[in-house]
Amino acid sequence: MIAKTLVTPLLGVLVLTAGTASAGPEWAAASTAAVHPGVRTATGSAQCTSNFVFESGSKVYLGQAAHCATTGTEGQTNGCTTPSMPVGTKVRVTGASREGVLAYSSWLAMQAAGETDANACAHNDFALVELDRADVAKVNPSLPSWGGPTGLNTAGLQEGDEVVTYGSAQLRTGPADLNAKRGRSLGDSGGGWNHTIRTSMPGVPGDSGSAVLDSAGRAVGVLATLNVSPDFGSNGAGDLARELEYLRTHSSLRDVRLVTGTQGFRAQQ
C-alpha cells in the first residue's frame, strides 16, 4: 500500500496454494522452538512478521503490526480512521498447530478512544495475537540470529545509533540469514513515536511487524512502513515502549509484558 507519496505499510499477501517474565510458561529450547519472534503470521490474506513474545499470567502472545488486520484500501495508513478486522479474528501462525486469536489492535483501541494525537494515529501500529494453549510449549522468545531481546528501550534512538532487525518476507529468497539485517537510525520523529532506520536491505512487504533491536539488544521498535519519500529505501518503526503504554492505558491487557530472550544478544553476529 502507498500512503500518499510518503510511506507504504509492509503488508504481504499469502499465496493460498497450500521485561523478564517471573512465574510463567516453560519455554522451548531456542534451537528447536517452532514458534518464536520472526515467524510469519497470516491475518485473512495478509502475511506479516511477528516481532516479540509477550505474556500475561499463563497467556502467551506474539506481537505483529496492527495494519496486518486492515480492511481498508491502499493508501489508508491512519490508524485512527482505517477500518480493521475485529478483536477475536483468527490468525494463522507459522509453527503453531492451531490458529491464534487477535487479542489487541492499537488501531481499534485508538478508534474506540477517539484518539486525536496525529503522531499516535500515524505511528501506533501494534497488535497482539494470543496463542492457543496447545502451542505455548513450542514457544521460545529469542530472536533468530541475534538472540535477545534483553529488555525494553524506553529512551528512543539517536541518529547514527546501530540497530538490527529480523524479517520473514516471502519475497526474500535465499539463505535464512538474509532475514537478519543490520543498520542505523536516521533519527526519531513524530514526537518519539517513529524511528526511521536504514538497514543493509530495507524491509519489504511481508516484513511488517518485525522486531527492531538497539545496539544493546533491547526491543525498540516494530517495523511498519517502507519510506518512498524523502528517505527512499528506509523503514519506519513504531516505538514499542509507547505502543505498550498505550495498550496498558486503553485496553484490559494492563499486565502484558515483554518476554526477554533465553539467549544472550549477539551484537557481532
C-alpha atoms as a PDB file:
ATOM      1  CA  MET A   1       0.000   0.000   0.000  1.00  0.00           C
ATOM      2  CA  ILE A   2       1.188   3.519  -0.674  1.00  0.00           C
ATOM      3  CA  ALA A   3       0.313   6.225   1.836  1.00  0.00           C
ATOM      4  CA  LYS A   4       0.103   9.213  -0.495  1.00  0.00           C
ATOM      5  CA  THR A   5       3.733   9.568  -1.634  1.00  0.00           C
ATOM      6  CA  LEU A   6       5.376   9.102   1.725  1.00  0.00           C
ATOM      7  CA  VAL A   7       5.203   5.585   3.155  1.00  0.00           C
ATOM      8  CA  THR A   8       3.759   2.172   2.465  1.00  0.00           C
ATOM      9  CA  PRO A   9       2.852  -0.455   5.055  1.00  0.00           C
ATOM     10  CA  LEU A  10       4.980  -3.558   4.621  1.00  0.00           C
ATOM     11  CA  LEU A  11       1.967  -5.746   4.102  1.00  0.00           C
ATOM     12  CA  GLY A  12       2.385  -9.009   2.223  1.00  0.00           C
ATOM     13  CA  VAL A  13      -0.251 -11.293   0.730  1.00  0.00           C
ATOM     14  CA  LEU A  14      -0.207 -15.063   1.128  1.00  0.00           C
ATOM     15  CA  VAL A  15      -0.468 -17.210  -1.975  1.00  0.00           C
ATOM     16  CA  LEU A  16      -3.219 -19.584  -0.958  1.00  0.00           C
ATOM     17  CA  THR A  17      -1.715 -22.668  -2.554  1.00  0.00           C
ATOM     18  CA  ALA A  18      -1.040 -24.830   0.093  1.00  0.00           C
ATOM     19  CA  GLY A  19      10.671  -7.191  30.769  1.00  0.00           C
ATOM     20  CA  THR A  20      11.765 -10.616  32.085  1.00  0.00           C
ATOM     21  CA  ALA A  21       8.939 -12.913  32.953  1.00  0.00           C
ATOM     22  CA  SER A  22       8.675 -14.019  36.557  1.00  0.00           C
ATOM     23  CA  ALA A  23       6.461 -17.068  37.043  1.00  0.00           C
ATOM     24  CA  GLY A  24       5.273 -18.019  33.587  1.00  0.00           C
ATOM     25  CA  PRO A  25       5.401 -20.684  30.916  1.00  0.00           C
ATOM     26  CA  GLU A  26       8.318 -23.039  30.420  1.00  0.00           C
ATOM     27  CA  TRP A  27       9.936 -22.016  27.142  1.00  0.00           C
ATOM     28  CA  ALA A  28      11.045 -24.474  24.487  1.00  0.00           C
ATOM     29  CA  ALA A  29      14.737 -24.624  23.651  1.00  0.00           C
ATOM     30  CA  ALA A  30      15.688 -21.898  21.195  1.00  0.00           C
ATOM     31  CA  SER A  31      17.267 -24.469  18.876  1.00  0.00           C
ATOM     32  CA  THR A  32      14.045 -26.452  18.475  1.00  0.00           C
ATOM     33  CA  ALA A  33      11.222 -23.960  19.133  1.00  0.00           C
ATOM     34  CA  ALA A  34       8.617 -23.991  16.375  1.00  0.00           C
ATOM     35  CA  VAL A  35       7.214 -20.580  17.374  1.00  0.00           C
ATOM     36  CA  HIS A  36       9.475 -17.593  18.029  1.00  0.00           C
ATOM     37  CA  PRO A  37       9.922 -13.942  17.073  1.00  0.00           C
ATOM     38  CA  GLY A  38      10.206 -13.676  13.311  1.00  0.00           C
ATOM     39  CA  VAL A  39       7.745 -16.426  12.362  1.00  0.00           C
ATOM     40  CA  ARG A  40       5.111 -15.458   9.830  1.00  0.00           C
ATOM     41  CA  THR A  41       1.570 -14.607  10.784  1.00  0.00           C
ATOM     42  CA  ALA A  42      -1.377 -14.517   8.416  1.00  0.00           C
ATOM     43  CA  THR A  43      -4.500 -12.496   9.175  1.00  0.00           C
ATOM     44  CA  GLY A  44      -7.013 -13.057   6.424  1.00  0.00           C
ATOM     45  CA  SER A  45      -4.889 -12.977   3.252  1.00  0.00           C
ATOM     46  CA  ALA A  46      -2.222 -10.664   4.688  1.00  0.00           C
ATOM     47  CA  GLN A  47       1.161 -12.080   5.654  1.00  0.00           C
ATOM     48  CA  CYS A  48       3.295 -10.308   8.229  1.00  0.00           C
ATOM     49  CA  THR A  49       6.205 -10.999  10.579  1.00  0.00           C
ATOM     50  CA  SER A  50       5.902 -11.426  14.330  1.00  0.00           C
ATOM     51  CA  ASN A  51       8.161  -9.261  16.495  1.00  0.00           C
ATOM     52  CA  PHE A  52       8.414 -10.310  20.145  1.00  0.00           C
ATOM     53  CA  VAL A  53       6.844 -12.682  22.657  1.00  0.00           C
ATOM     54  CA  PHE A  54       4.655 -11.225  25.408  1.00  0.00           C
ATOM     55  CA  GLU A  55       2.922 -12.827  28.364  1.00  0.00           C
ATOM     56  CA  SER A  56       0.267 -12.185  30.962  1.00  0.00           C
ATOM     57  CA  GLY A  57      -0.103 -14.930  33.545  1.00  0.00           C
ATOM     58  CA  SER A  58      -0.494 -18.174  31.645  1.00  0.00           C
ATOM     59  CA  LYS A  59      -1.386 -16.429  28.369  1.00  0.00           C
ATOM     60  CA  VAL A  60       1.284 -16.027  25.680  1.00  0.00           C
ATOM     61  CA  TYR A  61       1.132 -13.578  22.783  1.00  0.00           C
ATOM     62  CA  LEU A  62       3.062 -12.783  19.629  1.00  0.00           C
ATOM     63  CA  GLY A  63       3.307  -9.172  18.548  1.00  0.00           C
ATOM     64  CA  GLN A  64       2.511  -8.110  14.990  1.00  0.00           C
ATOM     65  CA  ALA A  65       1.603  -4.857  13.231  1.00  0.00           C
ATOM     66  CA  ALA A  66      -1.973  -3.639  13.627  1.00  0.00           C
ATOM     67  CA  HIS A  67      -2.211  -2.920   9.896  1.00  0.00           C
ATOM     68  CA  CYS A  68      -1.858  -6.657   9.234  1.00  0.00           C
ATOM     69  CA  ALA A  69      -5.585  -6.849  10.008  1.00  0.00           C
ATOM     70  CA  THR A  70      -6.637  -3.852   7.922  1.00  0.00           C
ATOM     71  CA  THR A  71      -9.773  -3.919   5.821  1.00  0.00           C
ATOM     72  CA  GLY A  72      -9.025  -0.522   4.342  1.00  0.00           C
ATOM     73  CA  THR A  73      -7.900   0.359   0.866  1.00  0.00           C
ATOM     74  CA  GLU A  74      -4.397   1.073  -0.388  1.00  0.00           C
ATOM     75  CA  GLY A  75      -3.179   4.365   0.938  1.00  0.00           C
ATOM     76  CA  GLN A  76      -5.112   4.161   4.212  1.00  0.00           C
ATOM     77  CA  THR A  77      -2.462   4.140   6.944  1.00  0.00           C
ATOM     78  CA  ASN A  78      -4.039   6.349   9.607  1.00  0.00           C
ATOM     79  CA  GLY A  79      -4.759   4.015  12.493  1.00  0.00           C
ATOM     80  CA  CYS A  80      -7.410   6.350  13.885  1.00  0.00           C
ATOM     81  CA  THR A  81      -9.617   6.149  10.794  1.00  0.00           C
ATOM     82  CA  THR A  82      -8.729   2.980   8.855  1.00  0.00           C
ATOM     83  CA  PRO A  83     -11.116   0.032   9.358  1.00  0.00           C
ATOM     84  CA  SER A  84      -9.754  -3.242  10.698  1.00  0.00           C
ATOM     85  CA  MET A  85     -10.794  -6.801  11.389  1.00  0.00           C
ATOM     86  CA  PRO A  86     -12.184  -7.131  14.934  1.00  0.00           C
ATOM     87  CA  VAL A  87     -10.592  -8.494  18.067  1.00  0.00           C
ATOM     88  CA  GLY A  88     -11.259 -12.237  18.014  1.00  0.00           C
ATOM     89  CA  THR A  89     -10.203 -12.645  14.378  1.00  0.00           C
ATOM     90  CA  LYS A  90      -8.317 -15.890  13.780  1.00  0.00           C
ATOM     91  CA  VAL A  91      -4.623 -15.571  12.890  1.00  0.00           C
ATOM     92  CA  ARG A  92      -2.520 -18.338  11.384  1.00  0.00           C
ATOM     93  CA  VAL A  93       0.919 -18.611  12.983  1.00  0.00           C
ATOM     94  CA  THR A  94       3.747 -20.489  11.297  1.00  0.00           C
ATOM     95  CA  GLY A  95       4.885 -23.347  13.539  1.00  0.00           C
ATOM     96  CA  ALA A  96       1.714 -23.414  15.629  1.00  0.00           C
ATOM     97  CA  SER A  97      -0.673 -26.345  15.465  1.00  0.00           C
ATOM     98  CA  ARG A  98      -3.746 -24.162  15.986  1.00  0.00           C
ATOM     99  CA  GLU A  99      -4.792 -20.674  14.957  1.00  0.00           C
ATOM    100  CA  GLY A 100      -4.157 -17.797  17.312  1.00  0.00           C
ATOM    101  CA  VAL A 101      -6.620 -15.009  18.029  1.00  0.00           C
ATOM    102  CA  LEU A 102      -6.247 -11.261  17.554  1.00  0.00           C
ATOM    103  CA  ALA A 103      -6.368 -10.071  21.169  1.00  0.00           C
ATOM    104  CA  TYR A 104      -5.454  -6.383  20.765  1.00  0.00           C
ATOM    105  CA  SER A 105      -5.121  -3.839  17.975  1.00  0.00           C
ATOM    106  CA  SER A 106      -3.779  -0.335  18.560  1.00  0.00           C
ATOM    107  CA  TRP A 107      -5.861   0.844  15.610  1.00  0.00           C
ATOM    108  CA  LEU A 108      -9.083  -0.422  17.165  1.00  0.00           C
ATOM    109  CA  ALA A 109      -8.048   0.925  20.569  1.00  0.00           C
ATOM    110  CA  MET A 110      -7.366   4.397  19.159  1.00  0.00           C
ATOM    111  CA  GLN A 111     -10.666   4.436  17.309  1.00  0.00           C
ATOM    112  CA  ALA A 112     -12.552   3.392  20.450  1.00  0.00           C
ATOM    113  CA  ALA A 113     -10.768   6.093  22.453  1.00  0.00           C
ATOM    114  CA  GLY A 114     -11.402   8.792  19.869  1.00  0.00           C
ATOM    115  CA  GLU A 115      -7.659   9.446  19.673  1.00  0.00           C
ATOM    116  CA  THR A 116      -6.703  12.823  18.189  1.00  0.00           C
ATOM    117  CA  ASP A 117      -2.902  12.783  18.564  1.00  0.00           C
ATOM    118  CA  ALA A 118      -1.726  12.833  14.940  1.00  0.00           C
ATOM    119  CA  ASN A 119       1.605  11.197  15.849  1.00  0.00           C
ATOM    120  CA  ALA A 120      -0.092   8.274  17.560  1.00  0.00           C
ATOM    121  CA  CYS A 121      -2.586   7.917  14.695  1.00  0.00           C
ATOM    122  CA  ALA A 122       0.287   7.746  12.189  1.00  0.00           C
ATOM    123  CA  HIS A 123       2.728   5.507  14.061  1.00  0.00           C
ATOM    124  CA  ASN A 124       0.958   3.466  16.768  1.00  0.00           C
ATOM    125  CA  ASP A 125       0.798   0.247  14.722  1.00  0.00           C
ATOM    126  CA  PHE A 126       0.876  -2.697  17.128  1.00  0.00           C
ATOM    127  CA  ALA A 127      -1.230  -5.784  17.754  1.00  0.00           C
ATOM    128  CA  LEU A 128      -1.131  -8.913  19.895  1.00  0.00           C
ATOM    129  CA  VAL A 129      -2.028 -12.424  18.777  1.00  0.00           C
ATOM    130  CA  GLU A 130      -2.908 -14.770  21.637  1.00  0.00           C
ATOM    131  CA  LEU A 131      -1.513 -18.241  21.051  1.00  0.00           C
ATOM    132  CA  ASP A 132      -3.566 -21.342  21.718  1.00  0.00           C
ATOM    133  CA  ARG A 133      -2.581 -23.066  24.968  1.00  0.00           C
ATOM    134  CA  ALA A 134      -1.682 -26.169  22.957  1.00  0.00           C
ATOM    135  CA  ASP A 135       1.176 -24.244  21.319  1.00  0.00           C
ATOM    136  CA  VAL A 136       2.688 -22.454  24.332  1.00  0.00           C
ATOM    137  CA  ALA A 137       5.182 -25.269  24.946  1.00  0.00           C
ATOM    138  CA  LYS A 138       6.544 -24.741  21.407  1.00  0.00           C
ATOM    139  CA  VAL A 139       7.496 -21.098  22.029  1.00  0.00           C
ATOM    140  CA  ASN A 140      10.882 -19.509  22.645  1.00  0.00           C
ATOM    141  CA  PRO A 141      11.188 -15.705  22.998  1.00  0.00           C
ATOM    142  CA  SER A 142      14.688 -15.348  21.490  1.00  0.00           C
ATOM    143  CA  LEU A 143      15.191 -13.715  18.084  1.00  0.00           C
ATOM    144  CA  PRO A 144      16.831 -15.965  15.470  1.00  0.00           C
ATOM    145  CA  SER A 145      20.393 -14.943  14.590  1.00  0.00           C
ATOM    146  CA  TRP A 146      20.560 -12.070  17.100  1.00  0.00           C
ATOM    147  CA  GLY A 147      19.297 -13.504  20.372  1.00  0.00           C
ATOM    148  CA  GLY A 148      17.676 -11.194  22.908  1.00  0.00           C
ATOM    149  CA  PRO A 149      15.667  -9.117  23.485  1.00  0.00           C
ATOM    150  CA  THR A 150      17.490  -8.081  26.631  1.00  0.00           C
ATOM    151  CA  GLY A 151      14.768  -5.677  27.741  1.00  0.00           C
ATOM    152  CA  LEU A 152      12.751  -2.689  26.537  1.00  0.00           C
ATOM    153  CA  ASN A 153      14.300   0.506  25.177  1.00  0.00           C
ATOM    154  CA  THR A 154      12.447   3.456  26.715  1.00  0.00           C
ATOM    155  CA  ALA A 155      14.825   6.223  25.579  1.00  0.00           C
ATOM    156  CA  GLY A 156      14.454   6.049  21.786  1.00  0.00           C
ATOM    157  CA  LEU A 157      17.285   6.280  19.259  1.00  0.00           C
ATOM    158  CA  GLN A 158      19.769   8.927  18.246  1.00  0.00           C
ATOM    159  CA  GLU A 159      20.794   9.484  14.635  1.00  0.00           C
ATOM    160  CA  GLY A 160      23.598   7.036  13.838  1.00  0.00           C
ATOM    161  CA  ASP A 161      22.680   4.501  16.524  1.00  0.00           C
ATOM    162  CA  GLU A 162      23.100   0.910  15.365  1.00  0.00           C
ATOM    163  CA  VAL A 163      20.038  -1.316  15.060  1.00  0.00           C
ATOM    164  CA  VAL A 164      19.328  -4.877  13.961  1.00  0.00           C
ATOM    165  CA  THR A 165      16.127  -6.400  12.608  1.00  0.00           C
ATOM    166  CA  TYR A 166      14.710  -9.781  11.666  1.00  0.00           C
ATOM    167  CA  GLY A 167      12.004 -10.128   8.996  1.00  0.00           C
ATOM    168  CA  SER A 168      10.479 -13.068   7.145  1.00  0.00           C
ATOM    169  CA  ALA A 169       9.025 -11.720   3.905  1.00  0.00           C
ATOM    170  CA  GLN A 170       8.161 -14.369   1.335  1.00  0.00           C
ATOM    171  CA  LEU A 171       9.518 -12.065  -1.350  1.00  0.00           C
ATOM    172  CA  ARG A 172      13.024 -12.668   0.016  1.00  0.00           C
ATOM    173  CA  THR A 173      14.658 -15.867  -1.207  1.00  0.00           C
ATOM    174  CA  GLY A 174      17.969 -17.483  -0.327  1.00  0.00           C
ATOM    175  CA  PRO A 175      19.621 -18.363   2.999  1.00  0.00           C
ATOM    176  CA  ALA A 176      17.593 -17.727   6.158  1.00  0.00           C
ATOM    177  CA  ASP A 177      20.337 -15.409   7.386  1.00  0.00           C
ATOM    178  CA  LEU A 178      19.136 -12.862   4.814  1.00  0.00           C
ATOM    179  CA  ASN A 179      16.277 -12.218   7.235  1.00  0.00           C
ATOM    180  CA  ALA A 180      18.745 -10.835   9.790  1.00  0.00           C
ATOM    181  CA  LYS A 181      19.797  -7.286   8.915  1.00  0.00           C
ATOM    182  CA  ARG A 182      21.993  -4.636  10.464  1.00  0.00           C
ATOM    183  CA  GLY A 183      21.536  -0.889  10.039  1.00  0.00           C
ATOM    184  CA  ARG A 184      21.477   2.539  11.647  1.00  0.00           C
ATOM    185  CA  SER A 185      18.961   5.059  12.878  1.00  0.00           C
ATOM    186  CA  LEU A 186      18.258   8.098  10.709  1.00  0.00           C
ATOM    187  CA  GLY A 187      16.658   9.797  13.689  1.00  0.00           C
ATOM    188  CA  ASP A 188      13.358   9.767  15.544  1.00  0.00           C
ATOM    189  CA  SER A 189      10.260  11.742  14.577  1.00  0.00           C
ATOM    190  CA  GLY A 190       6.577  12.003  15.347  1.00  0.00           C
ATOM    191  CA  GLY A 191       7.208  13.110  18.912  1.00  0.00           C
ATOM    192  CA  GLY A 192       9.218   9.953  19.519  1.00  0.00           C
ATOM    193  CA  TRP A 193       6.566   7.630  18.113  1.00  0.00           C
ATOM    194  CA  ASN A 194       8.601   6.812  14.975  1.00  0.00           C
ATOM    195  CA  HIS A 195      12.131   5.518  14.412  1.00  0.00           C
ATOM    196  CA  THR A 196      13.424   5.878  10.856  1.00  0.00           C
ATOM    197  CA  ILE A 197      16.054   3.231  10.143  1.00  0.00           C
ATOM    198  CA  ARG A 198      18.111   2.156   7.159  1.00  0.00           C
ATOM    199  CA  THR A 199      19.344  -1.436   7.017  1.00  0.00           C
ATOM    200  CA  SER A 200      21.579  -3.437   4.683  1.00  0.00           C
ATOM    201  CA  MET A 201      18.404  -4.410   2.834  1.00  0.00           C
ATOM    202  CA  PRO A 202      15.220  -2.463   3.539  1.00  0.00           C
ATOM    203  CA  GLY A 203      12.202  -4.212   4.993  1.00  0.00           C
ATOM    204  CA  VAL A 204       9.857  -5.238   2.187  1.00  0.00           C
ATOM    205  CA  PRO A 205       6.185  -6.288   2.041  1.00  0.00           C
ATOM    206  CA  GLY A 206       5.755  -9.199   4.449  1.00  0.00           C
ATOM    207  CA  ASP A 207       8.282  -7.788   6.945  1.00  0.00           C
ATOM    208  CA  SER A 208       5.520  -5.713   8.570  1.00  0.00           C
ATOM    209  CA  GLY A 209       5.585  -6.029  12.339  1.00  0.00           C
ATOM    210  CA  SER A 210       9.121  -7.378  12.582  1.00  0.00           C
ATOM    211  CA  ALA A 211      11.392  -6.662  15.526  1.00  0.00           C
ATOM    212  CA  VAL A 212      13.907  -3.831  15.780  1.00  0.00           C
ATOM    213  CA  LEU A 213      16.607  -4.085  18.463  1.00  0.00           C
ATOM    214  CA  ASP A 214      19.082  -1.418  19.544  1.00  0.00           C
ATOM    215  CA  SER A 215      22.829  -1.963  19.939  1.00  0.00           C
ATOM    216  CA  ALA A 216      22.306  -3.409  23.428  1.00  0.00           C
ATOM    217  CA  GLY A 217      19.718  -5.903  22.218  1.00  0.00           C
ATOM    218  CA  ARG A 218      16.777  -4.044  23.721  1.00  0.00           C
ATOM    219  CA  ALA A 219      13.415  -4.088  21.952  1.00  0.00           C
ATOM    220  CA  VAL A 220      12.995  -0.615  20.475  1.00  0.00           C
ATOM    221  CA  GLY A 221      10.543  -0.800  17.612  1.00  0.00           C
ATOM    222  CA  VAL A 222       8.046  -2.571  15.384  1.00  0.00           C
ATOM    223  CA  LEU A 223       8.669  -2.254  11.641  1.00  0.00           C
ATOM    224  CA  ALA A 224       5.637  -0.679   9.980  1.00  0.00           C
ATOM    225  CA  THR A 225       6.414   1.184   6.752  1.00  0.00           C
ATOM    226  CA  LEU A 226       8.716   1.369   3.761  1.00  0.00           C
ATOM    227  CA  ASN A 227       9.584   5.007   3.113  1.00  0.00           C
ATOM    228  CA  VAL A 228       9.390   6.066  -0.526  1.00  0.00           C
ATOM    229  CA  SER A 229       9.909   9.789   0.182  1.00  0.00           C
ATOM    230  CA  PRO A 230      12.040  11.538   1.284  1.00  0.00           C
ATOM    231  CA  ASP A 231      14.248   8.759   2.738  1.00  0.00           C
ATOM    232  CA  PHE A 232      13.772   6.266  -0.073  1.00  0.00           C
ATOM    233  CA  GLY A 233      14.622   2.683   0.933  1.00  0.00           C
ATOM    234  CA  SER A 234      14.439   3.302   4.673  1.00  0.00           C
ATOM    235  CA  ASN A 235      11.819   1.970   7.078  1.00  0.00           C
ATOM    236  CA  GLY A 236       9.641   3.450   9.774  1.00  0.00           C
ATOM    237  CA  ALA A 237       9.302   1.562  13.055  1.00  0.00           C
ATOM    238  CA  GLY A 238       6.806   2.407  15.766  1.00  0.00           C
ATOM    239  CA  ASP A 239       8.211   2.950  19.254  1.00  0.00           C
ATOM    240  CA  LEU A 240       7.414  -0.212  21.223  1.00  0.00           C
ATOM    241  CA  ALA A 241       7.592   1.429  24.658  1.00  0.00           C
ATOM    242  CA  ARG A 242       4.927   3.960  23.663  1.00  0.00           C
ATOM    243  CA  GLU A 243       2.833   1.281  21.974  1.00  0.00           C
ATOM    244  CA  LEU A 244       2.871  -0.869  25.126  1.00  0.00           C
ATOM    245  CA  GLU A 245       1.990   2.106  27.314  1.00  0.00           C
ATOM    246  CA  TYR A 246      -0.961   2.858  25.038  1.00  0.00           C
ATOM    247  CA  LEU A 247      -2.076  -0.774  25.274  1.00  0.00           C
ATOM    248  CA  ARG A 248      -1.980  -0.701  29.084  1.00  0.00           C
ATOM    249  CA  THR A 249      -3.893   2.568  29.199  1.00  0.00           C
ATOM    250  CA  HIS A 250      -6.544   1.750  26.603  1.00  0.00           C
ATOM    251  CA  SER A 251      -7.234  -1.972  26.975  1.00  0.00           C
ATOM    252  CA  SER A 252      -7.896  -4.603  29.618  1.00  0.00           C
ATOM    253  CA  LEU A 253      -4.466  -6.174  29.000  1.00  0.00           C
ATOM    254  CA  ARG A 254      -2.740  -3.997  31.592  1.00  0.00           C
ATOM    255  CA  ASP A 255      -0.292  -6.612  32.864  1.00  0.00           C
ATOM    256  CA  VAL A 256       1.030  -7.748  29.472  1.00  0.00           C
ATOM    257  CA  ARG A 257       4.832  -7.654  29.486  1.00  0.00           C
ATOM    258  CA  LEU A 258       7.666  -8.244  27.058  1.00  0.00           C
ATOM    259  CA  VAL A 259       9.486 -11.551  27.499  1.00  0.00           C
ATOM    260  CA  THR A 260      13.257 -11.363  27.285  1.00  0.00           C
ATOM    261  CA  GLY A 261      15.167 -13.953  25.285  1.00  0.00           C
ATOM    262  CA  THR A 262      16.656 -17.079  26.761  1.00  0.00           C
ATOM    263  CA  GLN A 263      19.702 -16.467  24.544  1.00  0.00           C
ATOM    264  CA  GLY A 264      22.036 -13.530  25.047  1.00  0.00           C
ATOM    265  CA  PHE A 265      22.239 -10.786  22.456  1.00  0.00           C
ATOM    266  CA  ARG A 266      24.872 -11.480  19.788  1.00  0.00           C
ATOM    267  CA  ALA A 267      25.772  -7.988  18.657  1.00  0.00           C
ATOM    268  CA  GLN A 268      28.539  -9.164  16.337  1.00  0.00           C
ATOM    269  CA  GLN A 269      26.527 -11.876  14.575  1.00  0.00           C
END
